[in-house]
Amino acid sequence: MMIKMKKEIKRKYQTTVFTFWIFTSFSMASGTILKTDDIRIRDPFIYADIQSKTYYMYAQAANRKGSGFTGVEVYASKDLKHWDKPHPVLILPEDAGIQAVWAPEVHEYEGNFYLFVTLTYEEKLKEKKPVNKKSWPEMHIRGTHIFYADNPLGPFKPFKETSHTPEGWMALDGTLYVEDGLPYMVFCHEWVQTIDGSIDYIRLSEDLSETIGKPSLMFRASGAPGAIQSTTNGKVTDGCFLYRSTISNRLFIIWSTFIPGNGYCVLLSHSESGKINGPRKEQKIIFSQNGGHGMIFRTFEDSLMLALHQPNTNGKERLHLFYLTDNGKDLVVSGEAEL
């Protein structure tokens, strides 16, 4: 089964791009300033644009009541405390059968900008659930798509109708990682389909328009300290992000899951070889205060930051930033930034 945006996507994008400019013109003209606590956001991703000294925070439009469209929008800030009113960077066709938009993130690569975003469709996979429980979630078509633009404000356009994650996989939270000049997408394989969720990676083409070869397994959720080991209980992987130490060149990965006694949390691991193919060592919890889906960025003052949403409670999620200390061997959460 193809994971795709259906029904004449190219023609419809002509309409949605036009709509984008209407939305953008209105939003930019409004000049409304929002405080961080005013913004409900899950899966926050911040792109720090050095050239303009502007922080761009990307969010699924459904985070905000009354957004009026399905897709992704961006907030802009100079200080991470005050934000311009959001405007859309991706408006998806209304009749594309999209049920949910998750985890948008934007990366600059080779002079262009790429939006990675997970789309869940109303249509379901034609396979049985792995566990015969009424409470087990429905298995919808889900995958990470990559869109492109020439600036961080979009509008972002699709490379193709299908997702970049493998056909038939319930996949999510794809992120960009570049090693030795080669681009990769690291993503999560959904526990709903596999019971024991995993984090995998796959090569991307030079322009990120397609994948090369087959995905490779990094690790499974059951490898986390304290994880449930039952073969019929779901084990979550989400929010993966890679960071290479500027001190030791050690390659770290953060990701999120649920662990009994710790709830929703952020874990840290590193590659023993310093390469994407691992092996990975020392899975450990670095944040366990009902928050997660983290990413790492540097401020314009050169502070290393962990961004995540907290609490992990529907409707109450907000951006929280924590200072990170990179000592070459570890990443240590060393205090929360005042927003």
C-alpha atoms as a PDB file:
ATOM      1  CA  MET A   1       0.000   0.000   0.000  1.00  0.00           C
ATOM      2  CA  MET A   2       1.358   3.410  -0.921  1.00  0.00           C
ATOM      3  CA  ILE A   3       1.694   6.083   1.762  1.00  0.00           C
ATOM      4  CA  LYS A   4       0.777   9.099  -0.308  1.00  0.00           C
ATOM      5  CA  MET A   5      -0.984  12.386  -0.735  1.00  0.00           C
ATOM      6  CA  LYS A   6      -3.732  11.417  -3.116  1.00  0.00           C
ATOM      7  CA  LYS A   7      -5.899  12.986  -5.834  1.00  0.00           C
ATOM      8  CA  GLU A   8      -3.955  15.169  -8.224  1.00  0.00           C
ATOM      9  CA  ILE A   9      -1.554  16.633  -5.704  1.00  0.00           C
ATOM     10  CA  LYS A  10       0.339  18.833  -8.164  1.00  0.00           C
ATOM     11  CA  ARG A  11      -2.800  20.616  -9.348  1.00  0.00           C
ATOM     12  CA  LYS A  12      -4.024  21.129  -5.830  1.00  0.00           C
ATOM     13  CA  TYR A  13      -0.723  22.547  -4.681  1.00  0.00           C
ATOM     14  CA  GLN A  14      -1.160  25.414  -7.131  1.00  0.00           C
ATOM     15  CA  THR A  15      -4.265  26.345  -5.136  1.00  0.00           C
ATOM     16  CA  THR A  16      -2.700  25.803  -1.723  1.00  0.00           C
ATOM     17  CA  VAL A  17       0.392  27.849  -2.598  1.00  0.00           C
ATOM     18  CA  PHE A  18      -1.879  30.752  -3.565  1.00  0.00           C
ATOM     19  CA  THR A  19      -3.769  30.317  -0.285  1.00  0.00           C
ATOM     20  CA  PHE A  20      -0.409  30.312   1.516  1.00  0.00           C
ATOM     21  CA  TRP A  21       0.377  33.812   0.307  1.00  0.00           C
ATOM     22  CA  ILE A  22      -3.026  35.089   1.459  1.00  0.00           C
ATOM     23  CA  PHE A  23      -2.496  33.606   4.945  1.00  0.00           C
ATOM     24  CA  THR A  24       1.100  34.844   5.112  1.00  0.00           C
ATOM     25  CA  SER A  25       0.291  38.391   4.049  1.00  0.00           C
ATOM     26  CA  PHE A  26      -2.422  38.641   6.700  1.00  0.00           C
ATOM     27  CA  SER A  27      -0.268  37.138   9.460  1.00  0.00           C
ATOM     28  CA  MET A  28       2.778  39.280   8.769  1.00  0.00           C
ATOM     29  CA  ALA A  29       0.673  42.417   8.622  1.00  0.00           C
ATOM     30  CA  SER A  30      -0.978  41.741  11.988  1.00  0.00           C
ATOM     31  CA  GLY A  31       2.203  42.262  14.027  1.00  0.00           C
ATOM     32  CA  THR A  32       0.805  40.452  17.074  1.00  0.00           C
ATOM     33  CA  ILE A  33       3.437  39.514  19.660  1.00  0.00           C
ATOM     34  CA  LEU A  34       2.931  36.307  21.639  1.00  0.00           C
ATOM     35  CA  LYS A  35       4.725  35.127  24.753  1.00  0.00           C
ATOM     36  CA  THR A  36       6.057  31.579  24.829  1.00  0.00           C
ATOM     37  CA  ASP A  37       3.437  30.524  27.368  1.00  0.00           C
ATOM     38  CA  ASP A  38       0.688  31.716  24.998  1.00  0.00           C
ATOM     39  CA  ILE A  39       1.635  29.082  22.422  1.00  0.00           C
ATOM     40  CA  ARG A  40       0.365  25.536  22.716  1.00  0.00           C
ATOM     41  CA  ILE A  41       2.865  23.319  20.904  1.00  0.00           C
ATOM     42  CA  ARG A  42       3.706  19.627  20.720  1.00  0.00           C
ATOM     43  CA  ASP A  43       6.951  18.376  19.186  1.00  0.00           C
ATOM     44  CA  PRO A  44       8.602  21.833  19.008  1.00  0.00           C
ATOM     45  CA  PHE A  45      11.431  22.292  16.514  1.00  0.00           C
ATOM     46  CA  ILE A  46      13.559  25.448  16.395  1.00  0.00           C
ATOM     47  CA  TYR A  47      15.689  26.471  13.441  1.00  0.00           C
ATOM     48  CA  ALA A  48      18.165  29.211  14.383  1.00  0.00           C
ATOM     49  CA  ASP A  49      18.815  31.264  11.251  1.00  0.00           C
ATOM     50  CA  ILE A  50      22.260  32.806  11.734  1.00  0.00           C
ATOM     51  CA  GLN A  51      21.970  35.178   8.770  1.00  0.00           C
ATOM     52  CA  SER A  52      18.829  36.941  10.033  1.00  0.00           C
ATOM     53  CA  LYS A  53      19.432  36.244  13.757  1.00  0.00           C
ATOM     54  CA  THR A  54      15.910  34.857  13.918  1.00  0.00           C
ATOM     55  CA  TYR A  55      14.588  31.737  15.634  1.00  0.00           C
ATOM     56  CA  TYR A  56      11.900  29.904  13.688  1.00  0.00           C
ATOM     57  CA  MET A  57       9.682  27.483  15.624  1.00  0.00           C
ATOM     58  CA  TYR A  58       7.622  25.063  13.548  1.00  0.00           C
ATOM     59  CA  ALA A  59       4.314  23.588  14.696  1.00  0.00           C
ATOM     60  CA  GLN A  60       1.440  21.566  13.303  1.00  0.00           C
ATOM     61  CA  ALA A  61      -1.452  23.948  12.677  1.00  0.00           C
ATOM     62  CA  ALA A  62      -3.820  21.745  14.711  1.00  0.00           C
ATOM     63  CA  ASN A  63      -1.949  22.834  17.864  1.00  0.00           C
ATOM     64  CA  ARG A  64      -3.793  26.122  17.583  1.00  0.00           C
ATOM     65  CA  LYS A  65      -7.583  26.398  17.738  1.00  0.00           C
ATOM     66  CA  GLY A  66      -8.976  28.270  14.788  1.00  0.00           C
ATOM     67  CA  SER A  67      -5.923  27.887  12.559  1.00  0.00           C
ATOM     68  CA  GLY A  68      -8.275  27.221   9.654  1.00  0.00           C
ATOM     69  CA  PHE A  69      -6.103  24.821   7.686  1.00  0.00           C
ATOM     70  CA  THR A  70      -4.331  21.477   7.770  1.00  0.00           C
ATOM     71  CA  GLY A  71      -0.554  21.725   7.645  1.00  0.00           C
ATOM     72  CA  VAL A  72       2.389  23.445   9.289  1.00  0.00           C
ATOM     73  CA  GLU A  73       2.957  26.980  10.544  1.00  0.00           C
ATOM     74  CA  VAL A  74       5.934  28.877  11.923  1.00  0.00           C
ATOM     75  CA  TYR A  75       6.510  31.352  14.755  1.00  0.00           C
ATOM     76  CA  ALA A  76       9.455  33.783  14.546  1.00  0.00           C
ATOM     77  CA  SER A  77      11.386  35.274  17.468  1.00  0.00           C
ATOM     78  CA  LYS A  78      14.533  37.252  18.170  1.00  0.00           C
ATOM     79  CA  ASP A  79      14.857  36.205  21.830  1.00  0.00           C
ATOM     80  CA  LEU A  80      12.961  32.888  22.279  1.00  0.00           C
ATOM     81  CA  LYS A  81      10.549  34.708  24.598  1.00  0.00           C
ATOM     82  CA  HIS A  82       8.433  36.840  22.263  1.00  0.00           C
ATOM     83  CA  TRP A  83       7.029  35.466  19.027  1.00  0.00           C
ATOM     84  CA  ASP A  84       5.329  36.902  15.978  1.00  0.00           C
ATOM     85  CA  LYS A  85       1.867  35.621  15.161  1.00  0.00           C
ATOM     86  CA  PRO A  86       2.230  32.354  13.203  1.00  0.00           C
ATOM     87  CA  HIS A  87       1.797  32.021   9.485  1.00  0.00           C
ATOM     88  CA  PRO A  88       1.646  28.874   7.352  1.00  0.00           C
ATOM     89  CA  VAL A  89       4.596  27.297   5.597  1.00  0.00           C
ATOM     90  CA  LEU A  90       2.668  24.255   4.338  1.00  0.00           C
ATOM     91  CA  ILE A  91      -1.050  24.089   3.530  1.00  0.00           C
ATOM     92  CA  LEU A  92      -2.211  20.597   2.622  1.00  0.00           C
ATOM     93  CA  PRO A  93      -5.161  19.917   0.290  1.00  0.00           C
ATOM     94  CA  GLU A  94      -8.421  19.738   2.214  1.00  0.00           C
ATOM     95  CA  ASP A  95      -9.556  16.521   0.507  1.00  0.00           C
ATOM     96  CA  ALA A  96      -6.236  14.628   0.776  1.00  0.00           C
ATOM     97  CA  GLY A  97      -7.648  12.367   3.495  1.00  0.00           C
ATOM     98  CA  ILE A  98      -5.144  13.538   6.106  1.00  0.00           C
ATOM     99  CA  GLN A  99      -6.154  12.811   9.690  1.00  0.00           C
ATOM    100  CA  ALA A 100      -3.174  14.297  11.556  1.00  0.00           C
ATOM    101  CA  VAL A 101       0.047  16.272  11.029  1.00  0.00           C
ATOM    102  CA  TRP A 102       2.904  15.610  13.440  1.00  0.00           C
ATOM    103  CA  ALA A 103       6.460  16.630  14.252  1.00  0.00           C
ATOM    104  CA  PRO A 104       7.392  19.212  11.598  1.00  0.00           C
ATOM    105  CA  GLU A 105      11.041  20.206  11.473  1.00  0.00           C
ATOM    106  CA  VAL A 106      13.029  22.312   9.012  1.00  0.00           C
ATOM    107  CA  HIS A 107      16.671  21.789   8.077  1.00  0.00           C
ATOM    108  CA  GLU A 108      18.977  23.823   5.883  1.00  0.00           C
ATOM    109  CA  TYR A 109      21.009  21.594   3.583  1.00  0.00           C
ATOM    110  CA  GLU A 110      23.173  22.582   0.623  1.00  0.00           C
ATOM    111  CA  GLY A 111      21.584  26.031   0.376  1.00  0.00           C
ATOM    112  CA  ASN A 112      17.949  24.859   0.436  1.00  0.00           C
ATOM    113  CA  PHE A 113      15.409  24.254   3.185  1.00  0.00           C
ATOM    114  CA  TYR A 114      13.663  20.954   3.824  1.00  0.00           C
ATOM    115  CA  LEU A 115      10.544  20.299   5.861  1.00  0.00           C
ATOM    116  CA  PHE A 116      10.259  16.819   7.382  1.00  0.00           C
ATOM    117  CA  VAL A 117       6.713  16.136   8.590  1.00  0.00           C
ATOM    118  CA  THR A 118       4.683  13.059   9.547  1.00  0.00           C
ATOM    119  CA  LEU A 119       1.261  12.643   7.939  1.00  0.00           C
ATOM    120  CA  THR A 120      -1.367  10.213   9.185  1.00  0.00           C
ATOM    121  CA  TYR A 121      -4.186   9.332   6.795  1.00  0.00           C
ATOM    122  CA  GLU A 122      -7.767   8.329   7.420  1.00  0.00           C
ATOM    123  CA  GLU A 123      -7.166   5.191   5.363  1.00  0.00           C
ATOM    124  CA  LYS A 124      -5.969   2.140   7.278  1.00  0.00           C
ATOM    125  CA  LEU A 125      -3.315  -0.425   6.470  1.00  0.00           C
ATOM    126  CA  LYS A 126      -4.654  -3.689   5.137  1.00  0.00           C
ATOM    127  CA  GLU A 127      -3.107  -5.888   7.795  1.00  0.00           C
ATOM    128  CA  LYS A 128      -4.154  -7.267  11.163  1.00  0.00           C
ATOM    129  CA  LYS A 129      -3.219  -5.618  14.424  1.00  0.00           C
ATOM    130  CA  PRO A 130      -0.232  -7.318  16.076  1.00  0.00           C
ATOM    131  CA  VAL A 131      -2.146  -7.640  19.357  1.00  0.00           C
ATOM    132  CA  ASN A 132      -5.777  -8.686  19.555  1.00  0.00           C
ATOM    133  CA  LYS A 133      -6.998  -6.078  22.032  1.00  0.00           C
ATOM    134  CA  LYS A 134      -9.939  -3.716  21.660  1.00  0.00           C
ATOM    135  CA  SER A 135      -7.776  -0.973  23.167  1.00  0.00           C
ATOM    136  CA  TRP A 136      -5.021  -1.411  20.575  1.00  0.00           C
ATOM    137  CA  PRO A 137      -4.911   1.690  18.299  1.00  0.00           C
ATOM    138  CA  GLU A 138      -6.090   1.501  14.700  1.00  0.00           C
ATOM    139  CA  MET A 139      -3.328   1.030  12.130  1.00  0.00           C
ATOM    140  CA  HIS A 140      -3.598   4.042   9.849  1.00  0.00           C
ATOM    141  CA  ILE A 141      -1.306   4.829   6.943  1.00  0.00           C
ATOM    142  CA  ARG A 142       1.455   6.985   8.449  1.00  0.00           C
ATOM    143  CA  GLY A 143       4.803   8.197   7.156  1.00  0.00           C
ATOM    144  CA  THR A 144       7.299  11.062   7.056  1.00  0.00           C
ATOM    145  CA  HIS A 145       7.241  13.235   3.930  1.00  0.00           C
ATOM    146  CA  ILE A 146       9.944  15.686   2.867  1.00  0.00           C
ATOM    147  CA  PHE A 147       9.033  19.042   1.300  1.00  0.00           C
ATOM    148  CA  TYR A 148      11.392  21.716  -0.038  1.00  0.00           C
ATOM    149  CA  ALA A 149      11.638  25.525  -0.278  1.00  0.00           C
ATOM    150  CA  ASP A 150      14.243  28.208  -0.862  1.00  0.00           C
ATOM    151  CA  ASN A 151      13.779  29.899   2.528  1.00  0.00           C
ATOM    152  CA  PRO A 152      12.624  28.920   6.027  1.00  0.00           C
ATOM    153  CA  LEU A 153       9.275  30.691   5.584  1.00  0.00           C
ATOM    154  CA  GLY A 154       8.282  28.479   2.661  1.00  0.00           C
ATOM    155  CA  PRO A 155       6.001  27.817   0.945  1.00  0.00           C
ATOM    156  CA  PHE A 156       7.187  24.214   0.999  1.00  0.00           C
ATOM    157  CA  LYS A 157       6.418  21.985  -1.974  1.00  0.00           C
ATOM    158  CA  PRO A 158       6.309  18.186  -2.259  1.00  0.00           C
ATOM    159  CA  PHE A 159       8.914  16.085  -4.018  1.00  0.00           C
ATOM    160  CA  LYS A 160       6.450  13.292  -4.688  1.00  0.00           C
ATOM    161  CA  GLU A 161       3.117  11.795  -3.717  1.00  0.00           C
ATOM    162  CA  THR A 162       4.538   9.041  -1.520  1.00  0.00           C
ATOM    163  CA  SER A 163       6.263   9.331   1.840  1.00  0.00           C
ATOM    164  CA  HIS A 164      10.028   8.957   2.208  1.00  0.00           C
ATOM    165  CA  THR A 165       9.639   6.328   4.919  1.00  0.00           C
ATOM    166  CA  PRO A 166       9.156   2.753   3.667  1.00  0.00           C
ATOM    167  CA  GLU A 167       5.916   1.723   1.999  1.00  0.00           C
ATOM    168  CA  GLY A 168       3.697  -0.264   4.356  1.00  0.00           C
ATOM    169  CA  TRP A 169       5.478   0.941   7.500  1.00  0.00           C
ATOM    170  CA  MET A 170       3.738   3.010  10.144  1.00  0.00           C
ATOM    171  CA  ALA A 171       6.619   5.474  10.482  1.00  0.00           C
ATOM    172  CA  LEU A 172       6.993   8.878  12.069  1.00  0.00           C
ATOM    173  CA  ASP A 173       9.276  11.653  13.325  1.00  0.00           C
ATOM    174  CA  GLY A 174      11.831  11.597  10.512  1.00  0.00           C
ATOM    175  CA  THR A 175      14.861  13.853  10.992  1.00  0.00           C
ATOM    176  CA  LEU A 176      17.873  14.776   8.838  1.00  0.00           C
ATOM    177  CA  TYR A 177      21.390  13.622   9.657  1.00  0.00           C
ATOM    178  CA  VAL A 178      24.476  14.098   7.463  1.00  0.00           C
ATOM    179  CA  GLU A 179      27.609  11.940   7.811  1.00  0.00           C
ATOM    180  CA  ASP A 180      30.700  12.135   5.599  1.00  0.00           C
ATOM    181  CA  GLY A 181      28.758  14.278   3.155  1.00  0.00           C
ATOM    182  CA  LEU A 182      25.916  11.746   2.824  1.00  0.00           C
ATOM    183  CA  PRO A 183      22.366  12.618   3.950  1.00  0.00           C
ATOM    184  CA  TYR A 184      20.268  10.175   5.962  1.00  0.00           C
ATOM    185  CA  MET A 185      16.810  10.191   7.419  1.00  0.00           C
ATOM    186  CA  VAL A 186      16.531   8.784  10.947  1.00  0.00           C
ATOM    187  CA  PHE A 187      12.963   7.907  11.918  1.00  0.00           C
ATOM    188  CA  CYS A 188      10.761   5.863  14.239  1.00  0.00           C
ATOM    189  CA  HIS A 189       8.919   2.658  13.359  1.00  0.00           C
ATOM    190  CA  GLU A 190       5.589   2.855  15.150  1.00  0.00           C
ATOM    191  CA  TRP A 191       4.918   0.517  18.084  1.00  0.00           C
ATOM    192  CA  VAL A 192       1.290   0.251  16.951  1.00  0.00           C
ATOM    193  CA  GLN A 193       2.522  -1.914  14.077  1.00  0.00           C
ATOM    194  CA  THR A 194       5.535  -3.620  15.681  1.00  0.00           C
ATOM    195  CA  ILE A 195       4.686  -3.759  19.433  1.00  0.00           C
ATOM    196  CA  ASP A 196       8.326  -2.942  20.202  1.00  0.00           C
ATOM    197  CA  GLY A 197       8.923   0.396  18.502  1.00  0.00           C
ATOM    198  CA  SER A 198      12.284   1.033  16.883  1.00  0.00           C
ATOM    199  CA  ILE A 199      14.497   3.783  15.525  1.00  0.00           C
ATOM    200  CA  ASP A 200      15.829   3.180  12.021  1.00  0.00           C
ATOM    201  CA  TYR A 201      17.741   5.074   9.351  1.00  0.00           C
ATOM    202  CA  ILE A 202      17.898   5.170   5.562  1.00  0.00           C
ATOM    203  CA  ARG A 203      20.083   6.931   2.971  1.00  0.00           C
ATOM    204  CA  LEU A 204      18.668   9.890   1.097  1.00  0.00           C
ATOM    205  CA  SER A 205      19.549  11.052  -2.390  1.00  0.00           C
ATOM    206  CA  GLU A 206      21.737  14.136  -2.777  1.00  0.00           C
ATOM    207  CA  ASP A 207      18.729  16.447  -3.200  1.00  0.00           C
ATOM    208  CA  LEU A 208      16.679  14.555  -0.548  1.00  0.00           C
ATOM    209  CA  SER A 209      13.992  13.793  -3.121  1.00  0.00           C
ATOM    210  CA  GLU A 210      14.090  10.036  -2.600  1.00  0.00           C
ATOM    211  CA  THR A 211      15.602   7.256  -0.515  1.00  0.00           C
ATOM    212  CA  ILE A 212      18.429   4.891  -1.442  1.00  0.00           C
ATOM    213  CA  GLY A 213      18.478   1.243  -0.401  1.00  0.00           C
ATOM    214  CA  LYS A 214      16.694  -0.291   2.556  1.00  0.00           C
ATOM    215  CA  PRO A 215      16.340   0.968   6.147  1.00  0.00           C
ATOM    216  CA  SER A 216      18.675  -0.242   8.889  1.00  0.00           C
ATOM    217  CA  LEU A 217      17.779  -0.796  12.530  1.00  0.00           C
ATOM    218  CA  MET A 218      19.434   1.388  15.176  1.00  0.00           C
ATOM    219  CA  PHE A 219      17.714   0.048  18.322  1.00  0.00           C
ATOM    220  CA  ARG A 220      14.372  -0.885  19.843  1.00  0.00           C
ATOM    221  CA  ALA A 221      12.402   0.716  22.653  1.00  0.00           C
ATOM    222  CA  SER A 222      12.707  -2.393  24.813  1.00  0.00           C
ATOM    223  CA  GLY A 223      16.426  -1.649  25.199  1.00  0.00           C
ATOM    224  CA  ALA A 224      15.719   1.395  27.361  1.00  0.00           C
ATOM    225  CA  PRO A 225      16.441   1.012  31.096  1.00  0.00           C
ATOM    226  CA  GLY A 226      13.260   0.023  32.911  1.00  0.00           C
ATOM    227  CA  ALA A 227      11.264  -0.534  29.720  1.00  0.00           C
ATOM    228  CA  ILE A 228       8.326  -2.946  29.778  1.00  0.00           C
ATOM    229  CA  GLN A 229       9.437  -6.322  28.425  1.00  0.00           C
ATOM    230  CA  SER A 230       5.986  -7.832  27.831  1.00  0.00           C
ATOM    231  CA  THR A 231       5.440  -9.121  24.290  1.00  0.00           C
ATOM    232  CA  THR A 232       1.887  -7.771  24.215  1.00  0.00           C
ATOM    233  CA  ASN A 233       2.441  -4.254  25.625  1.00  0.00           C
ATOM    234  CA  GLY A 234       3.384  -1.442  23.255  1.00  0.00           C
ATOM    235  CA  LYS A 235       6.774   0.219  23.639  1.00  0.00           C
ATOM    236  CA  VAL A 236       7.043   3.711  22.130  1.00  0.00           C
ATOM    237  CA  THR A 237       9.830   5.344  20.156  1.00  0.00           C
ATOM    238  CA  ASP A 238       9.431   8.963  19.073  1.00  0.00           C
ATOM    239  CA  GLY A 239      11.210  12.302  18.814  1.00  0.00           C
ATOM    240  CA  CYS A 240      14.625  11.121  17.600  1.00  0.00           C
ATOM    241  CA  PHE A 241      17.369  13.718  17.037  1.00  0.00           C
ATOM    242  CA  LEU A 242      21.135  13.382  16.468  1.00  0.00           C
ATOM    243  CA  TYR A 243      23.897  15.686  17.729  1.00  0.00           C
ATOM    244  CA  ARG A 244      27.676  15.410  17.312  1.00  0.00           C
ATOM    245  CA  SER A 245      29.855  16.712  20.151  1.00  0.00           C
ATOM    246  CA  THR A 246      31.973  19.707  19.218  1.00  0.00           C
ATOM    247  CA  ILE A 247      34.485  18.605  21.882  1.00  0.00           C
ATOM    248  CA  SER A 248      34.997  14.883  21.249  1.00  0.00           C
ATOM    249  CA  ASN A 249      33.158  14.276  17.953  1.00  0.00           C
ATOM    250  CA  ARG A 250      31.023  11.681  19.792  1.00  0.00           C
ATOM    251  CA  LEU A 251      27.701  11.054  18.042  1.00  0.00           C
ATOM    252  CA  PHE A 252      24.702  11.283  20.393  1.00  0.00           C
ATOM    253  CA  ILE A 253      21.044  10.504  19.796  1.00  0.00           C
ATOM    254  CA  ILE A 254      18.114  11.604  21.941  1.00  0.00           C
ATOM    255  CA  TRP A 255      14.636  10.094  21.749  1.00  0.00           C
ATOM    256  CA  SER A 256      11.498   9.760  23.856  1.00  0.00           C
ATOM    257  CA  THR A 257       9.420   6.941  25.297  1.00  0.00           C
ATOM    258  CA  PHE A 258       7.246   5.978  28.276  1.00  0.00           C
ATOM    259  CA  ILE A 259       8.953   4.116  31.134  1.00  0.00           C
ATOM    260  CA  PRO A 260       7.150   2.877  34.273  1.00  0.00           C
ATOM    261  CA  GLY A 261       7.979   5.135  37.191  1.00  0.00           C
ATOM    262  CA  ASN A 262       9.328   7.874  34.914  1.00  0.00           C
ATOM    263  CA  GLY A 263       6.427   8.510  32.546  1.00  0.00           C
ATOM    264  CA  TYR A 264       7.146  10.298  29.281  1.00  0.00           C
ATOM    265  CA  CYS A 265      10.864  11.041  29.182  1.00  0.00           C
ATOM    266  CA  VAL A 266      13.933  11.799  27.057  1.00  0.00           C
ATOM    267  CA  LEU A 267      16.731   9.268  26.703  1.00  0.00           C
ATOM    268  CA  LEU A 268      20.314   9.626  25.517  1.00  0.00           C
ATOM    269  CA  SER A 269      22.599   7.160  23.770  1.00  0.00           C
ATOM    270  CA  HIS A 270      25.798   7.425  21.739  1.00  0.00           C
ATOM    271  CA  SER A 271      27.459   5.564  18.901  1.00  0.00           C
ATOM    272  CA  GLU A 272      30.535   3.646  20.029  1.00  0.00           C
ATOM    273  CA  SER A 273      32.054   3.936  16.544  1.00  0.00           C
ATOM    274  CA  GLY A 274      31.077   7.583  16.080  1.00  0.00           C
ATOM    275  CA  LYS A 275      29.107   6.514  12.999  1.00  0.00           C
ATOM    276  CA  ILE A 276      25.407   6.209  12.322  1.00  0.00           C
ATOM    277  CA  ASN A 277      25.675   2.423  12.093  1.00  0.00           C
ATOM    278  CA  GLY A 278      26.724   2.233  15.749  1.00  0.00           C
ATOM    279  CA  PRO A 279      26.695   0.188  17.840  1.00  0.00           C
ATOM    280  CA  ARG A 280      24.864   2.346  20.355  1.00  0.00           C
ATOM    281  CA  LYS A 281      25.809   2.363  24.025  1.00  0.00           C
ATOM    282  CA  GLU A 282      24.567   3.563  27.415  1.00  0.00           C
ATOM    283  CA  GLN A 283      20.867   4.192  26.962  1.00  0.00           C
ATOM    284  CA  LYS A 284      19.932   6.432  29.871  1.00  0.00           C
ATOM    285  CA  ILE A 285      17.225   8.866  30.912  1.00  0.00           C
ATOM    286  CA  ILE A 286      18.254  12.535  30.909  1.00  0.00           C
ATOM    287  CA  PHE A 287      14.813  14.111  31.429  1.00  0.00           C
ATOM    288  CA  SER A 288      11.848  12.553  33.250  1.00  0.00           C
ATOM    289  CA  GLN A 289       9.455  15.349  34.154  1.00  0.00           C
ATOM    290  CA  ASN A 290       6.486  14.489  31.907  1.00  0.00           C
ATOM    291  CA  GLY A 291       8.030  16.100  28.840  1.00  0.00           C
ATOM    292  CA  GLY A 292       9.754  14.982  25.694  1.00  0.00           C
ATOM    293  CA  HIS A 293      10.070  14.871  21.925  1.00  0.00           C
ATOM    294  CA  GLY A 294      13.269  16.889  22.205  1.00  0.00           C
ATOM    295  CA  MET A 295      15.668  18.501  19.769  1.00  0.00           C
ATOM    296  CA  ILE A 296      18.988  20.295  20.209  1.00  0.00           C
ATOM    297  CA  PHE A 297      20.111  23.683  18.875  1.00  0.00           C
ATOM    298  CA  ARG A 298      22.545  26.508  19.647  1.00  0.00           C
ATOM    299  CA  THR A 299      21.461  30.027  20.500  1.00  0.00           C
ATOM    300  CA  PHE A 300      23.097  33.018  18.874  1.00  0.00           C
ATOM    301  CA  GLU A 301      24.987  33.433  22.151  1.00  0.00           C
ATOM    302  CA  ASP A 302      26.409  29.904  21.654  1.00  0.00           C
ATOM    303  CA  SER A 303      24.413  28.184  24.405  1.00  0.00           C
ATOM    304  CA  LEU A 304      23.550  24.555  23.684  1.00  0.00           C
ATOM    305  CA  MET A 305      19.827  23.991  24.299  1.00  0.00           C
ATOM    306  CA  LEU A 306      17.400  21.111  24.610  1.00  0.00           C
ATOM    307  CA  ALA A 307      13.913  22.046  23.369  1.00  0.00           C
ATOM    308  CA  LEU A 308      10.920  19.866  24.270  1.00  0.00           C
ATOM    309  CA  HIS A 309       7.223  20.049  25.047  1.00  0.00           C
ATOM    310  CA  GLN A 310       6.002  19.844  28.621  1.00  0.00           C
ATOM    311  CA  PRO A 311       3.700  18.695  30.112  1.00  0.00           C
ATOM    312  CA  ASN A 312       2.780  15.778  27.892  1.00  0.00           C
ATOM    313  CA  THR A 313      -0.872  16.538  28.580  1.00  0.00           C
ATOM    314  CA  ASN A 314      -3.275  17.180  25.729  1.00  0.00           C
ATOM    315  CA  GLY A 315      -4.003  20.888  25.382  1.00  0.00           C
ATOM    316  CA  LYS A 316      -1.466  22.032  27.976  1.00  0.00           C
ATOM    317  CA  GLU A 317       1.797  21.456  26.069  1.00  0.00           C
ATOM    318  CA  ARG A 318       4.265  24.346  25.964  1.00  0.00           C
ATOM    319  CA  LEU A 319       7.813  24.915  24.764  1.00  0.00           C
ATOM    320  CA  HIS A 320      10.445  24.445  27.471  1.00  0.00           C
ATOM    321  CA  LEU A 321      14.160  25.044  26.965  1.00  0.00           C
ATOM    322  CA  PHE A 322      16.962  23.529  29.021  1.00  0.00           C
ATOM    323  CA  TYR A 323      20.663  24.281  28.966  1.00  0.00           C
ATOM    324  CA  LEU A 324      22.833  21.359  27.904  1.00  0.00           C
ATOM    325  CA  THR A 325      26.462  20.838  28.848  1.00  0.00           C
ATOM    326  CA  ASP A 326      28.521  18.941  26.271  1.00  0.00           C
ATOM    327  CA  ASN A 327      31.573  17.571  28.087  1.00  0.00           C
ATOM    328  CA  GLY A 328      32.586  15.313  25.224  1.00  0.00           C
ATOM    329  CA  LYS A 329      31.512  12.108  26.949  1.00  0.00           C
ATOM    330  CA  ASP A 330      27.982  13.062  27.893  1.00  0.00           C
ATOM    331  CA  LEU A 331      25.178  15.588  27.474  1.00  0.00           C
ATOM    332  CA  VAL A 332      24.025  16.927  30.832  1.00  0.00           C
ATOM    333  CA  VAL A 333      20.801  18.879  31.394  1.00  0.00           C
ATOM    334  CA  SER A 334      22.021  21.756  33.546  1.00  0.00           C
ATOM    335  CA  GLY A 335      18.995  23.961  34.196  1.00  0.00           C
ATOM    336  CA  GLU A 336      15.919  25.421  32.577  1.00  0.00           C
ATOM    337  CA  ALA A 337      15.962  28.685  30.644  1.00  0.00           C
ATOM    338  CA  GLU A 338      13.559  31.383  31.742  1.00  0.00           C
ATOM    339  CA  LEU A 339      10.957  32.021  29.076  1.00  0.00           C
END
